Amino acid sequence: MQNQSYFIARNAGNDLRRKIGDDADNKLISYIYKLINSLSCGNKENFLNSVVRMYGGMDLPIPNILINLFNDENFKIYGYAYLFGLKGCGDNNNQENNKENIENE
């Protein structure tokens, strides 16, 4: 169950990244820093506040995995998994683009 929740959290990050589209890194940078700070301090309220602002500002539903984080003792694990998804980790399209960039260098 823990591994499945990790992948669900990471996929939620990947989904948001895809919805933002081109130039996602630049658009997500301050959001990611806020989330990292909240996770490192264990501050669930600030984490949720940032998530609600991002999804609300984009008029998107908040993924259940992010809402359920606050009742889970693995808050940091799933929170970081979500961040990995935001950064494109585990996204097959992103991995293929990185491989092409390395081959072209």
Foldseek 3Di string as FASTA:
>chain_A
DVVVLLVVLLVLLLVVLVVVPPPLCVVCVVLLVQLVVCLVVVPLVSNVVSQCCVCVVVVHDRDPSSVCLVVDPCNNSSSVSNSCSNVPPPPPVVVVVVVVVVVVD
